[in-house]
Amino acid sequence: MNLKVQLPKKLPNIHFTKKRAAILCCAVLIGASGVVYALKVSGSSNEVIYTPYTLDTGSITTSISGSGTLTAAKTYTLTANVKGEVLSDDFEIGDSVSEGQVLYELDNSDAVEELNNTSLSLKQQQLTTQQAQTALTNLTITAPLSGLVSEVYVKVGESVNSGTKIAEIVNNEDCTLRLQFNASDIDSIKINDTAAVYLLSSGETVSGTVSKINSGAYYNSANAYVSDVEISFTNPGGITELDSAAAIVNGIAGNNEGSISFNSSATLTAKTSGEITALNIDTNDYVNQGDLLVQLENDSTVLQGESAALSLSNAEQSYKNKEEKLAEYTITAPCNGTVLSKNIQAGDTINEAGTTMAIVADLSSMKFTMSIDELDIKNVSVGQKVTITADAVNKVYTGEITAIVLNGTTANGVTVYPVTVTLEECDELLPGMNVTAQIITQEANDTLRAPISCVSRNDMLLIDEASAKSLNAETAESIQSAEVGQIIKSDDYKGYYFLKVESGLSNSSYTAILDGAKEGLTVYAVSNASGNTSNSEPNMMNIGKDSSSGGAFSFDGGGMGGPQGGMGGPGGMQ
């Protein structure tokens, strides 16, 4: 590789001593090997060193680091809310337990007796309340069946007692005829056979159905050997109870005439005492089963019902409280987890409610708190992923930010904010372990990137003449007017060009190149021989002036000046 080094314009006369010549020779040889090459531009120790880098594709991430101490995400302290002797403790520290698993049993004999007594009181109150509710229900009288109101015994405003007759209701639609058939004919008559019923009062014939046949036979007053048969039929109208009728079944006539009765009737009576405030029936009214017929009023009955309901509610609550108290004599695991501590053993006596028995933690999920600087807190949010490592375990874990406390703590002029990170996968981790966390705030994958020392503040890359020619790019008039992809020849660094690019995400090592360059392009970082290097100093190149105004590249705070500005003062990069 042949290297041609061109000195900047207007350099002072350079006198090469043997020592200086040796330095220059070494620099050229190193550049020829593709590593670095240097040019000493004055009699001082400041030299311009060009370090080549090749643009490649990779990842760029920005992150915030911190540390914390692990605790179980869910920790439960088991306490005894009752007093008594501990009868059993079937577990040890470090045991894995399941939710609901019995850990302690305390002597509950007194609690069982209290519950039994409360149960008896509850049953007694349930009976009392049932009676009171029945009395309330009885203030409303409804029709027990559908039928005709044959008689009403009371009127509105009257006071009645339990058992007082209110009315008579008769179902006069469904009738039954009872008559005798010769016993010798009974075998020819079956249940549900059709019968012709002859009504003697009107001479009308209606259809009926055999509903009952007595199994026995007897001699009637006429000394005929007969059996009783019942025939059901519907009242065609005008029939009253005790009317007579005859019947023929399957061509067989009854032995005699029979009497007609209505199938059902009821005497309506008051079942509790009270004053009649509403009477919704009159004689010969037809009512349907369930119709509201009479309303009674009795303030004492109402109050007794309300009092009984309240007493029942109190009794039920008392029983529930006793049940809950009994359950507290059995202490179970609140979750699937691990026993971290055990303070009480079988045989111990609990003399004070609230005594701590044991601690159980769910170690399948852990958390820790890390402090985030006020300058970084805007870059974190709940749900953000966190990469976690622990010195005690050679693994990398992934967590998630689950809480951010916005009430920061200030010390020595710096404010930090507590951020909680939760891990759902935490094999081999234990509470108390110290961990280091990295929060990825920005990430770019498979992106073209350049070392940050090669990218100027206004997105310029320094390339050599060969690369400039291979790009076949347009030439800009000045650095200030350059567009992405254009180049401009450097007056300060002979044989080099500036390439305008569009930059993206940057971290302490790399800057993403979004446009204007391609993978494989060789770019250069500029530093001086005094030790100031751009490799770890972002924005080293202060390209902001036209090359005719005193320098395109300069070291912040000192270093090299432009061709017309002469040599810069000491101070190096910052």
Protein backbone atom coordinates (compact mmCIF):
# COMPACT_ATOMS: atom_id res chain seq x y z
CA MET A 1 0.00 0.00 0.00
CA ASN A 2 1.54 3.25 -1.12
CA LEU A 3 0.75 6.18 1.15
CA LYS A 4 1.03 9.75 0.07
CA VAL A 5 1.04 12.26 2.90
CA GLN A 6 0.26 15.86 1.97
CA LEU A 7 1.04 18.62 4.46
CA PRO A 8 -1.49 21.34 5.23
CA LYS A 9 -1.01 24.74 3.61
CA LYS A 10 1.25 27.40 5.07
CA LEU A 11 3.14 25.09 7.36
CA PRO A 12 6.29 26.50 8.95
CA ASN A 13 9.62 25.13 7.78
CA ILE A 14 10.18 21.67 9.16
CA HIS A 15 13.71 20.61 10.04
CA PHE A 16 13.97 16.82 10.27
CA THR A 17 16.42 15.71 12.88
CA LYS A 18 17.37 12.06 13.01
CA LYS A 19 14.91 11.57 15.82
CA ARG A 20 12.07 13.23 13.96
CA ALA A 21 12.85 11.34 10.77
CA ALA A 22 12.69 8.09 12.68
CA ILE A 23 9.27 8.97 14.09
CA LEU A 24 7.89 9.86 10.68
CA CYS A 25 9.27 6.71 9.15
CA CYS A 26 7.63 4.55 11.82
CA ALA A 27 4.28 6.25 11.31
CA VAL A 28 4.37 5.61 7.58
CA LEU A 29 5.28 1.98 8.11
CA ILE A 30 2.40 1.50 10.56
CA GLY A 31 -0.06 3.15 8.12
CA ALA A 32 1.16 0.83 5.40
CA SER A 33 0.09 -2.13 7.52
CA GLY A 34 -3.49 -0.77 7.61
CA VAL A 35 -3.55 0.17 11.28
CA VAL A 36 -2.75 3.90 11.71
CA TYR A 37 -0.49 6.48 10.15
CA ALA A 38 0.64 9.83 11.50
CA LEU A 39 1.83 13.17 10.27
CA LYS A 40 3.85 15.56 12.45
CA VAL A 41 2.89 19.04 11.31
CA SER A 42 5.20 21.20 13.42
CA GLY A 43 8.12 21.13 15.69
CA SER A 44 5.82 20.41 18.64
CA SER A 45 4.78 16.99 19.84
CA ASN A 46 1.31 17.37 18.27
CA GLU A 47 0.84 15.04 15.33
CA VAL A 48 -2.27 14.25 13.27
CA ILE A 49 -3.05 10.54 13.51
CA TYR A 50 -5.55 9.01 11.09
CA THR A 51 -7.07 5.76 12.37
CA PRO A 52 -9.05 3.80 9.77
CA TYR A 53 -12.30 1.97 10.54
CA THR A 54 -14.61 -0.01 8.29
CA LEU A 55 -18.35 0.64 8.45
CA ASP A 56 -20.15 -2.55 9.46
CA THR A 57 -23.64 -3.73 10.33
CA GLY A 58 -24.52 -4.49 13.91
CA SER A 59 -26.55 -3.48 16.93
CA ILE A 60 -26.56 -0.22 18.86
CA THR A 61 -28.19 0.05 22.24
CA THR A 62 -28.44 2.76 24.85
CA SER A 63 -29.07 1.70 28.40
CA ILE A 64 -29.27 2.72 32.03
CA SER A 65 -27.48 0.62 34.62
CA GLY A 66 -28.17 0.10 38.29
CA SER A 67 -28.16 -2.46 41.06
CA GLY A 68 -30.35 -3.74 43.85
CA THR A 69 -31.03 -6.54 46.32
CA LEU A 70 -33.55 -9.27 45.56
CA THR A 71 -36.65 -9.86 47.65
CA ALA A 72 -39.57 -12.20 47.02
CA ALA A 73 -42.27 -10.45 45.05
CA LYS A 74 -44.88 -11.90 47.41
CA THR A 75 -44.03 -12.51 51.05
CA TYR A 76 -46.61 -13.54 53.66
CA THR A 77 -46.28 -13.32 57.42
CA LEU A 78 -48.42 -15.96 59.13
CA THR A 79 -49.90 -14.75 62.41
CA ALA A 80 -52.11 -16.41 65.01
CA ASN A 81 -55.30 -14.42 65.61
CA VAL A 82 -56.35 -16.68 68.50
CA LYS A 83 -54.81 -18.02 71.67
CA GLY A 84 -54.14 -21.63 72.55
CA GLU A 85 -51.72 -24.52 72.51
CA VAL A 86 -50.05 -25.45 69.22
CA LEU A 87 -50.87 -29.12 68.58
CA SER A 88 -48.98 -29.70 65.33
CA ASP A 89 -46.51 -28.06 62.93
CA ASP A 90 -45.89 -30.40 59.99
CA PHE A 91 -43.23 -28.38 58.13
CA GLU A 92 -39.68 -27.04 58.40
CA ILE A 93 -37.73 -24.01 57.18
CA GLY A 94 -36.95 -24.38 53.48
CA ASP A 95 -39.89 -26.68 52.79
CA SER A 96 -41.97 -26.07 49.69
CA VAL A 97 -45.63 -25.70 50.59
CA SER A 98 -48.84 -25.58 48.57
CA GLU A 99 -51.59 -23.01 48.89
CA GLY A 100 -54.09 -24.23 51.51
CA GLN A 101 -51.68 -26.74 53.05
CA VAL A 102 -52.15 -27.01 56.82
CA LEU A 103 -49.08 -25.70 58.64
CA TYR A 104 -50.30 -25.33 62.24
CA GLU A 105 -53.17 -26.83 64.26
CA LEU A 106 -54.12 -25.11 67.54
CA ASP A 107 -56.35 -26.48 70.30
CA ASN A 108 -59.88 -25.45 69.24
CA SER A 109 -62.05 -27.27 71.80
CA ASP A 110 -63.45 -24.07 73.30
CA ALA A 111 -64.21 -22.65 69.87
CA VAL A 112 -66.05 -25.84 68.85
CA GLU A 113 -68.27 -25.64 71.94
CA GLU A 114 -69.03 -21.98 71.27
CA LEU A 115 -69.99 -22.80 67.68
CA ASN A 116 -72.33 -25.60 68.79
CA ASN A 117 -74.10 -23.32 71.27
CA THR A 118 -74.44 -20.63 68.63
CA SER A 119 -75.85 -23.20 66.21
CA LEU A 120 -78.63 -24.12 68.67
CA SER A 121 -79.50 -20.46 69.18
CA LEU A 122 -79.61 -19.96 65.42
CA LYS A 123 -82.01 -22.89 64.90
CA GLN A 124 -84.32 -21.59 67.65
CA GLN A 125 -84.35 -18.15 66.11
CA GLN A 126 -85.06 -19.64 62.67
CA LEU A 127 -88.20 -21.31 64.09
CA THR A 128 -89.31 -18.10 65.80
CA THR A 129 -88.79 -16.11 62.63
CA GLN A 130 -90.65 -18.71 60.56
CA GLN A 131 -93.65 -18.41 62.88
CA ALA A 132 -93.55 -14.62 62.70
CA GLN A 133 -93.32 -14.69 58.91
CA THR A 134 -96.26 -17.11 58.74
CA ALA A 135 -98.32 -14.74 60.86
CA LEU A 136 -97.46 -11.92 58.46
CA THR A 137 -98.42 -14.08 55.49
CA ASN A 138 -101.74 -14.96 57.13
CA LEU A 139 -102.77 -11.30 57.15
CA THR A 140 -103.44 -11.85 53.45
CA ILE A 141 -106.20 -14.40 52.67
CA THR A 142 -106.38 -15.90 49.18
CA ALA A 143 -108.75 -18.33 47.44
CA PRO A 144 -107.72 -21.94 48.17
CA LEU A 145 -109.52 -23.17 45.03
CA SER A 146 -111.44 -21.95 42.02
CA GLY A 147 -115.20 -21.86 42.50
CA LEU A 148 -118.33 -20.00 43.49
CA VAL A 149 -118.58 -17.94 46.68
CA SER A 150 -121.70 -19.38 48.23
CA GLU A 151 -121.67 -17.31 51.42
CA VAL A 152 -119.73 -14.41 53.04
CA TYR A 153 -119.69 -14.11 56.84
CA VAL A 154 -117.74 -10.84 57.45
CA LYS A 155 -117.47 -7.24 56.29
CA VAL A 156 -114.82 -4.49 56.12
CA GLY A 157 -113.85 -2.98 59.48
CA GLU A 158 -114.61 -6.07 61.52
CA SER A 159 -111.96 -7.58 63.76
CA VAL A 160 -111.49 -11.31 63.48
CA ASN A 161 -109.54 -13.91 65.41
CA SER A 162 -107.76 -17.00 64.26
CA GLY A 163 -110.46 -19.53 63.20
CA THR A 164 -113.18 -16.98 62.40
CA LYS A 165 -115.21 -18.00 59.30
CA ILE A 166 -114.76 -15.65 56.36
CA ALA A 167 -116.65 -17.27 53.46
CA GLU A 168 -117.70 -20.50 51.73
CA ILE A 169 -116.31 -21.39 48.30
CA VAL A 170 -117.66 -24.27 46.23
CA ASN A 171 -116.24 -25.73 43.03
CA ASN A 172 -119.63 -26.35 41.33
CA GLU A 173 -118.15 -27.10 37.93
CA ASP A 174 -116.73 -30.53 38.65
CA CYS A 175 -119.40 -32.96 39.86
CA THR A 176 -119.42 -36.58 40.99
CA LEU A 177 -122.38 -39.01 40.73
CA ARG A 178 -122.33 -41.92 43.19
CA LEU A 179 -124.62 -44.87 42.39
CA GLN A 180 -124.88 -48.66 42.57
CA PHE A 181 -124.43 -51.28 39.84
CA ASN A 182 -125.26 -54.96 40.16
CA ALA A 183 -122.16 -56.81 41.29
CA SER A 184 -122.60 -59.27 38.42
CA ASP A 185 -122.11 -56.39 35.93
CA ILE A 186 -119.08 -54.84 37.55
CA ASP A 187 -116.57 -56.81 35.49
CA SER A 188 -117.96 -55.13 32.35
CA ILE A 189 -117.21 -51.64 33.69
CA LYS A 190 -113.70 -50.14 33.67
CA ILE A 191 -112.09 -46.94 34.91
CA ASN A 192 -112.31 -44.11 32.29
CA ASP A 193 -115.23 -45.79 30.52
CA THR A 194 -117.73 -43.29 29.12
CA ALA A 195 -121.03 -42.95 30.94
CA ALA A 196 -124.34 -41.33 30.02
CA VAL A 197 -125.61 -39.30 33.00
CA TYR A 198 -129.36 -38.52 33.14
CA LEU A 199 -130.09 -35.42 35.26
CA LEU A 200 -133.47 -35.96 36.90
CA SER A 201 -133.96 -32.27 37.76
CA SER A 202 -133.76 -31.10 34.16
CA GLY A 203 -134.12 -34.30 32.14
CA GLU A 204 -130.85 -33.45 30.43
CA THR A 205 -128.26 -36.08 29.51
CA VAL A 206 -124.56 -35.26 29.85
CA SER A 207 -121.41 -37.28 29.25
CA GLY A 208 -119.29 -38.48 32.14
CA THR A 209 -116.37 -40.75 32.90
CA VAL A 210 -116.05 -43.64 35.34
CA SER A 211 -113.58 -42.37 37.95
CA LYS A 212 -113.83 -45.01 40.69
CA ILE A 213 -115.08 -48.60 41.14
CA ASN A 214 -115.27 -50.01 44.66
CA SER A 215 -113.73 -53.45 44.91
CA GLY A 216 -116.25 -54.74 47.42
CA ALA A 217 -119.91 -55.71 47.00
CA TYR A 218 -122.84 -55.64 49.44
CA TYR A 219 -126.62 -56.03 49.63
CA ASN A 220 -128.55 -52.77 49.46
CA SER A 221 -131.87 -51.96 51.07
CA ALA A 222 -133.66 -53.70 48.20
CA ASN A 223 -131.61 -56.85 48.94
CA ALA A 224 -129.74 -56.49 45.62
CA TYR A 225 -126.07 -57.51 45.56
CA VAL A 226 -124.33 -54.33 44.34
CA SER A 227 -121.03 -52.41 44.09
CA ASP A 228 -120.55 -48.62 44.24
CA VAL A 229 -119.34 -46.70 41.16
CA GLU A 230 -118.40 -43.00 40.87
CA ILE A 231 -118.84 -41.06 37.64
CA SER A 232 -117.27 -37.61 37.11
CA PHE A 233 -118.87 -35.01 34.85
CA THR A 234 -119.01 -31.27 34.28
CA ASN A 235 -121.95 -29.25 35.58
CA PRO A 236 -123.90 -28.02 32.57
CA GLY A 237 -125.44 -25.38 34.85
CA GLY A 238 -128.24 -25.36 37.34
CA ILE A 239 -127.11 -28.40 39.29
CA THR A 240 -126.92 -28.12 43.02
CA GLU A 241 -125.50 -30.49 45.54
CA LEU A 242 -127.75 -33.47 46.44
CA ASP A 243 -129.50 -33.40 43.06
CA SER A 244 -130.15 -36.93 41.72
CA ALA A 245 -129.15 -38.63 38.46
CA ALA A 246 -129.05 -42.04 36.79
CA ALA A 247 -126.35 -43.46 34.53
CA ILE A 248 -125.66 -46.10 31.89
CA VAL A 249 -122.17 -47.49 31.25
CA ASN A 250 -121.47 -49.76 28.30
CA GLY A 251 -125.22 -50.41 28.01
CA ILE A 252 -125.48 -51.38 31.65
CA ALA A 253 -127.84 -49.28 33.75
CA GLY A 254 -127.23 -48.49 37.34
CA ASN A 255 -129.23 -50.37 39.97
CA ASN A 256 -130.74 -47.14 41.26
CA GLU A 257 -130.52 -43.37 41.15
CA GLY A 258 -127.50 -41.71 42.77
CA SER A 259 -126.77 -38.41 44.47
CA ILE A 260 -124.64 -35.60 42.95
CA SER A 261 -121.91 -33.81 44.93
CA PHE A 262 -119.45 -31.11 44.01
CA ASN A 263 -115.89 -32.34 43.89
CA SER A 264 -114.40 -29.67 46.17
CA SER A 265 -115.42 -26.90 48.52
CA ALA A 266 -113.75 -24.89 51.25
CA THR A 267 -114.65 -22.88 54.30
CA LEU A 268 -112.41 -19.81 54.32
CA THR A 269 -111.21 -18.96 57.86
CA ALA A 270 -108.82 -16.39 59.37
CA LYS A 271 -105.52 -17.91 60.49
CA THR A 272 -104.48 -14.91 62.58
CA SER A 273 -106.17 -12.01 64.29
CA GLY A 274 -106.59 -8.58 62.80
CA GLU A 275 -108.91 -5.96 61.37
CA ILE A 276 -110.40 -6.48 57.90
CA THR A 277 -109.19 -3.59 55.76
CA ALA A 278 -110.16 -5.04 52.36
CA LEU A 279 -112.88 -7.55 51.31
CA ASN A 280 -112.82 -8.40 47.62
CA ILE A 281 -115.67 -10.96 47.42
CA ASP A 282 -119.46 -11.13 47.61
CA THR A 283 -121.97 -13.94 47.52
CA ASN A 284 -122.17 -15.77 44.15
CA ASP A 285 -118.85 -14.28 42.96
CA TYR A 286 -116.64 -16.68 41.02
CA VAL A 287 -113.02 -16.70 42.17
CA ASN A 288 -109.87 -18.35 40.89
CA GLN A 289 -107.40 -20.16 43.08
CA GLY A 290 -104.84 -17.66 44.48
CA ASP A 291 -107.06 -14.57 44.12
CA LEU A 292 -106.66 -12.03 46.96
CA LEU A 293 -109.93 -12.12 48.88
CA VAL A 294 -109.30 -10.50 52.28
CA GLN A 295 -106.63 -8.22 53.75
CA LEU A 296 -106.12 -8.03 57.50
CA GLU A 297 -104.13 -5.47 59.45
CA ASN A 298 -102.33 -6.10 62.74
CA ASP A 299 -99.50 -3.76 63.79
CA SER A 300 -98.32 -6.10 66.51
CA THR A 301 -97.90 -8.96 64.02
CA VAL A 302 -95.91 -6.71 61.68
CA LEU A 303 -93.59 -5.58 64.47
CA GLN A 304 -93.07 -9.15 65.62
CA GLY A 305 -92.14 -10.14 62.08
CA GLU A 306 -89.61 -7.33 61.72
CA SER A 307 -88.12 -8.04 65.15
CA ALA A 308 -87.82 -11.73 64.36
CA ALA A 309 -86.11 -11.00 61.03
CA LEU A 310 -83.59 -8.73 62.76
CA SER A 311 -82.91 -11.30 65.49
CA LEU A 312 -82.37 -13.96 62.83
CA SER A 313 -79.86 -11.75 61.02
CA ASN A 314 -77.95 -11.23 64.28
CA ALA A 315 -77.99 -14.95 65.01
CA GLU A 316 -76.69 -15.77 61.52
CA GLN A 317 -73.89 -13.23 61.87
CA SER A 318 -72.96 -14.60 65.28
CA TYR A 319 -72.78 -18.11 63.85
CA LYS A 320 -70.65 -16.90 60.92
CA ASN A 321 -68.28 -15.17 63.35
CA LYS A 322 -67.91 -18.34 65.39
CA GLU A 323 -67.24 -20.35 62.21
CA GLU A 324 -64.53 -17.91 61.15
CA LYS A 325 -62.99 -17.97 64.61
CA LEU A 326 -62.90 -21.78 64.56
CA ALA A 327 -61.15 -21.70 61.17
CA GLU A 328 -58.41 -19.49 62.65
CA TYR A 329 -57.25 -22.37 64.84
CA THR A 330 -56.00 -23.99 61.62
CA ILE A 331 -53.24 -21.97 59.91
CA THR A 332 -52.64 -22.78 56.24
CA ALA A 333 -50.16 -21.72 53.56
CA PRO A 334 -51.42 -18.58 51.78
CA CYS A 335 -49.67 -19.48 48.51
CA ASN A 336 -47.45 -21.95 46.72
CA GLY A 337 -44.08 -21.03 48.12
CA THR A 338 -41.15 -21.71 50.43
CA VAL A 339 -40.95 -21.40 54.21
CA LEU A 340 -38.39 -18.70 55.03
CA SER A 341 -38.75 -18.72 58.81
CA LYS A 342 -40.52 -20.66 61.57
CA ASN A 343 -40.97 -18.95 64.94
CA ILE A 344 -43.42 -21.28 66.75
CA GLN A 345 -43.16 -25.03 67.36
CA ALA A 346 -45.67 -27.71 68.32
CA GLY A 347 -46.16 -27.63 72.10
CA ASP A 348 -45.79 -23.86 72.34
CA THR A 349 -48.69 -21.86 73.74
CA ILE A 350 -49.93 -18.74 72.02
CA ASN A 351 -50.77 -16.24 74.75
CA GLU A 352 -51.30 -13.19 72.58
CA ALA A 353 -53.28 -12.77 69.37
CA GLY A 354 -51.17 -11.46 66.52
CA THR A 355 -48.14 -13.63 67.31
CA THR A 356 -45.96 -14.20 64.23
CA MET A 357 -45.83 -17.92 63.47
CA ALA A 358 -43.84 -18.21 60.22
CA ILE A 359 -42.99 -16.46 56.96
CA VAL A 360 -43.76 -17.96 53.55
CA ALA A 361 -42.65 -16.46 50.25
CA ASP A 362 -43.47 -17.19 46.64
CA LEU A 363 -39.98 -17.50 45.16
CA SER A 364 -41.26 -18.03 41.62
CA SER A 365 -41.33 -14.25 41.32
CA MET A 366 -38.79 -11.78 42.75
CA LYS A 367 -38.24 -8.06 42.70
CA PHE A 368 -35.69 -5.42 43.56
CA THR A 369 -35.52 -1.65 43.61
CA MET A 370 -32.94 0.34 41.68
CA SER A 371 -32.36 4.10 41.81
CA ILE A 372 -32.62 6.01 38.53
CA ASP A 373 -30.97 9.42 38.11
CA GLU A 374 -33.20 12.41 37.42
CA LEU A 375 -31.56 12.81 34.00
CA ASP A 376 -32.58 9.27 33.01
CA ILE A 377 -35.99 8.83 34.64
CA LYS A 378 -37.78 10.20 31.57
CA ASN A 379 -36.41 7.29 29.57
CA VAL A 380 -37.95 4.53 31.70
CA SER A 381 -41.55 3.38 31.87
CA VAL A 382 -43.62 0.60 33.39
CA GLY A 383 -43.45 -2.51 31.23
CA GLN A 384 -39.91 -1.86 30.01
CA LYS A 385 -37.68 -4.95 29.82
CA VAL A 386 -34.58 -5.17 32.04
CA THR A 387 -31.53 -7.41 31.66
CA ILE A 388 -30.33 -8.72 35.03
CA THR A 389 -27.18 -10.49 36.19
CA ALA A 390 -26.10 -11.75 39.60
CA ASP A 391 -22.54 -12.40 40.72
CA ALA A 392 -23.71 -15.47 42.63
CA VAL A 393 -25.34 -17.09 39.57
CA ASN A 394 -23.75 -17.35 36.15
CA LYS A 395 -26.96 -16.59 34.26
CA VAL A 396 -28.66 -13.68 32.55
CA TYR A 397 -32.27 -13.00 33.55
CA THR A 398 -34.98 -10.83 32.09
CA GLY A 399 -37.20 -8.65 34.24
CA GLU A 400 -39.75 -5.93 33.77
CA ILE A 401 -40.30 -2.53 35.35
CA THR A 402 -43.50 -2.84 37.38
CA ALA A 403 -43.50 0.40 39.40
CA ILE A 404 -41.94 3.85 39.31
CA VAL A 405 -42.07 6.04 42.41
CA LEU A 406 -42.33 9.65 41.25
CA ASN A 407 -41.46 11.02 44.69
CA GLY A 408 -37.70 11.17 44.31
CA THR A 409 -35.00 11.44 46.96
CA THR A 410 -32.45 14.27 46.78
CA ALA A 411 -28.92 14.08 48.18
CA ASN A 412 -25.92 16.28 47.37
CA GLY A 413 -27.89 18.09 44.70
CA VAL A 414 -28.82 14.91 42.82
CA THR A 415 -32.32 13.41 42.76
CA VAL A 416 -32.94 9.72 42.19
CA TYR A 417 -36.21 7.84 41.75
CA PRO A 418 -36.92 4.31 43.03
CA VAL A 419 -37.89 1.90 40.25
CA THR A 420 -39.19 -1.61 40.99
CA VAL A 421 -38.12 -4.45 38.69
CA THR A 422 -39.91 -7.82 38.83
CA LEU A 423 -38.55 -11.17 37.59
CA GLU A 424 -40.96 -13.99 36.73
CA GLU A 425 -38.21 -16.48 35.86
CA CYS A 426 -35.66 -16.63 38.68
CA ASP A 427 -34.15 -20.12 38.89
CA GLU A 428 -31.25 -20.32 41.39
CA LEU A 429 -31.85 -16.79 42.65
CA LEU A 430 -32.54 -16.27 46.34
CA PRO A 431 -33.78 -13.34 48.42
CA GLY A 432 -30.88 -11.16 49.54
CA MET A 433 -28.73 -11.69 46.45
CA ASN A 434 -27.28 -8.57 44.84
CA VAL A 435 -28.04 -8.06 41.16
CA THR A 436 -26.97 -5.66 38.44
CA ALA A 437 -29.58 -4.40 36.00
CA GLN A 438 -29.44 -2.82 32.58
CA ILE A 439 -32.48 -1.06 31.16
CA ILE A 440 -32.39 -0.87 27.38
CA THR A 441 -33.76 2.56 26.55
CA GLN A 442 -33.18 2.46 22.78
CA GLU A 443 -32.11 -0.27 20.40
CA ALA A 444 -31.28 -0.54 16.71
CA ASN A 445 -30.50 -3.95 15.22
CA ASP A 446 -28.84 -4.80 11.89
CA THR A 447 -28.01 -1.16 11.32
CA LEU A 448 -25.03 0.36 9.53
CA ARG A 449 -22.76 1.87 12.16
CA ALA A 450 -19.55 3.84 12.56
CA PRO A 451 -17.34 4.33 15.61
CA ILE A 452 -18.53 7.44 17.34
CA SER A 453 -15.03 8.95 17.02
CA CYS A 454 -15.46 8.95 13.24
CA VAL A 455 -18.68 10.98 13.14
CA SER A 456 -18.56 14.76 13.41
CA ARG A 457 -21.12 16.90 15.15
CA ASN A 458 -22.76 17.81 11.88
CA ASP A 459 -22.81 14.24 10.52
CA MET A 460 -19.58 14.22 8.50
CA LEU A 461 -17.32 11.22 7.89
CA LEU A 462 -13.67 11.61 6.87
CA ILE A 463 -12.77 9.35 3.92
CA ASP A 464 -9.67 9.04 1.76
CA GLU A 465 -9.38 10.07 -1.88
CA ALA A 466 -9.74 6.52 -3.22
CA SER A 467 -13.00 6.03 -1.36
CA ALA A 468 -14.25 9.42 -2.51
CA LYS A 469 -13.64 8.48 -6.15
CA SER A 470 -15.30 5.07 -5.75
CA LEU A 471 -18.44 6.68 -4.40
CA ASN A 472 -18.91 8.70 -7.58
CA ALA A 473 -20.74 11.22 -5.40
CA GLU A 474 -21.65 14.83 -6.08
CA THR A 475 -19.39 17.50 -4.65
CA ALA A 476 -20.84 20.09 -2.29
CA GLU A 477 -19.77 23.74 -2.40
CA SER A 478 -19.19 23.90 1.35
CA ILE A 479 -19.60 21.88 4.46
CA GLN A 480 -22.57 23.97 5.52
CA SER A 481 -24.47 23.39 2.28
CA ALA A 482 -23.60 19.70 1.90
CA GLU A 483 -26.47 17.29 1.49
CA VAL A 484 -26.57 13.62 2.47
CA GLY A 485 -24.37 11.60 0.14
CA GLN A 486 -22.34 14.59 -1.11
CA ILE A 487 -18.60 14.99 -0.53
CA ILE A 488 -16.32 18.00 -0.14
CA LYS A 489 -12.56 18.07 -0.38
CA SER A 490 -10.78 18.92 2.85
CA ASP A 491 -8.29 21.80 2.70
CA ASP A 492 -7.05 20.85 6.15
CA TYR A 493 -6.42 17.15 5.65
CA LYS A 494 -4.80 16.75 2.23
CA GLY A 495 -5.91 13.71 0.31
CA TYR A 496 -9.08 13.39 2.42
CA TYR A 497 -12.72 14.26 1.88
CA PHE A 498 -15.74 14.87 4.04
CA LEU A 499 -18.82 12.69 3.33
CA LYS A 500 -22.19 14.02 4.49
CA VAL A 501 -24.38 11.30 6.09
CA GLU A 502 -27.57 11.04 8.10
CA SER A 503 -26.93 9.68 11.57
CA GLY A 504 -29.26 7.94 13.99
CA LEU A 505 -29.00 6.34 17.39
CA SER A 506 -25.68 6.77 19.22
CA ASN A 507 -24.13 5.30 22.30
CA SER A 508 -20.65 5.59 23.78
CA SER A 509 -19.19 3.37 21.05
CA TYR A 510 -21.16 3.65 17.83
CA THR A 511 -23.38 5.95 15.80
CA ALA A 512 -25.96 4.54 13.40
CA ILE A 513 -25.55 5.69 9.79
CA LEU A 514 -29.03 5.87 8.28
CA ASP A 515 -28.15 7.25 4.85
CA GLY A 516 -25.20 8.46 2.78
CA ALA A 517 -22.78 5.54 3.21
CA LYS A 518 -22.59 1.79 2.72
CA GLU A 519 -21.16 -1.16 4.59
CA GLY A 520 -17.46 -1.71 3.97
CA LEU A 521 -16.58 1.96 3.49
CA THR A 522 -13.32 2.97 5.23
CA VAL A 523 -13.59 6.07 7.40
CA TYR A 524 -11.02 7.78 9.61
CA ALA A 525 -10.85 9.08 13.14
CA VAL A 526 -8.49 11.99 13.74
CA SER A 527 -6.45 12.41 16.90
CA ASN A 528 -3.12 13.90 17.94
CA ALA A 529 0.04 12.35 19.22
CA SER A 530 -0.24 13.93 22.65
CA GLY A 531 -2.73 11.27 23.66
CA ASN A 532 -5.99 13.00 22.75
CA THR A 533 -7.96 10.45 20.75
CA SER A 534 -11.40 10.43 19.28
CA ASN A 535 -12.07 6.75 19.87
CA SER A 536 -13.88 7.37 23.16
CA GLU A 537 -14.79 11.03 22.71
CA PRO A 538 -18.07 11.60 20.86
CA ASN A 539 -18.36 14.68 18.67
CA MET A 540 -14.60 15.12 18.57
CA MET A 541 -14.66 16.68 15.12
CA ASN A 542 -15.96 20.19 15.29
CA ILE A 543 -16.93 20.63 11.66
CA GLY A 544 -19.00 23.74 11.48
CA LYS A 545 -16.93 26.29 9.59
CA ASP A 546 -16.10 26.65 5.95
CA SER A 547 -12.58 25.33 5.34
CA SER A 548 -11.50 28.83 4.38
CA SER A 549 -12.42 30.27 7.74
CA GLY A 550 -9.81 28.64 9.84
CA GLY A 551 -10.33 24.90 10.11
CA ALA A 552 -12.87 22.22 9.38
CA PHE A 553 -11.71 19.71 12.02
CA SER A 554 -10.53 20.87 15.43
CA PHE A 555 -10.06 19.43 18.90
CA ASP A 556 -12.53 20.82 21.43
CA GLY A 557 -10.63 22.86 23.98
CA GLY A 558 -7.35 22.90 22.03
CA GLY A 559 -5.45 20.68 19.67
CA MET A 560 -5.04 21.45 15.97
CA GLY A 561 -6.13 24.69 14.38
CA GLY A 562 -7.04 25.29 10.76
CA PRO A 563 -4.57 26.13 8.01
CA GLN A 564 -5.03 29.84 8.51
CA GLY A 565 -5.50 29.58 12.25
CA GLY A 566 -2.11 28.01 12.84
CA MET A 567 -1.47 25.62 15.64
CA GLY A 568 -4.05 25.30 18.39
CA GLY A 569 -3.16 25.66 22.03
CA PRO A 570 -2.77 22.83 24.48
CA GLY A 571 -5.69 21.25 26.24
CA GLY A 572 -6.70 18.26 24.11
CA MET A 573 -10.15 16.83 23.63
CA GLN A 574 -12.95 16.92 26.25
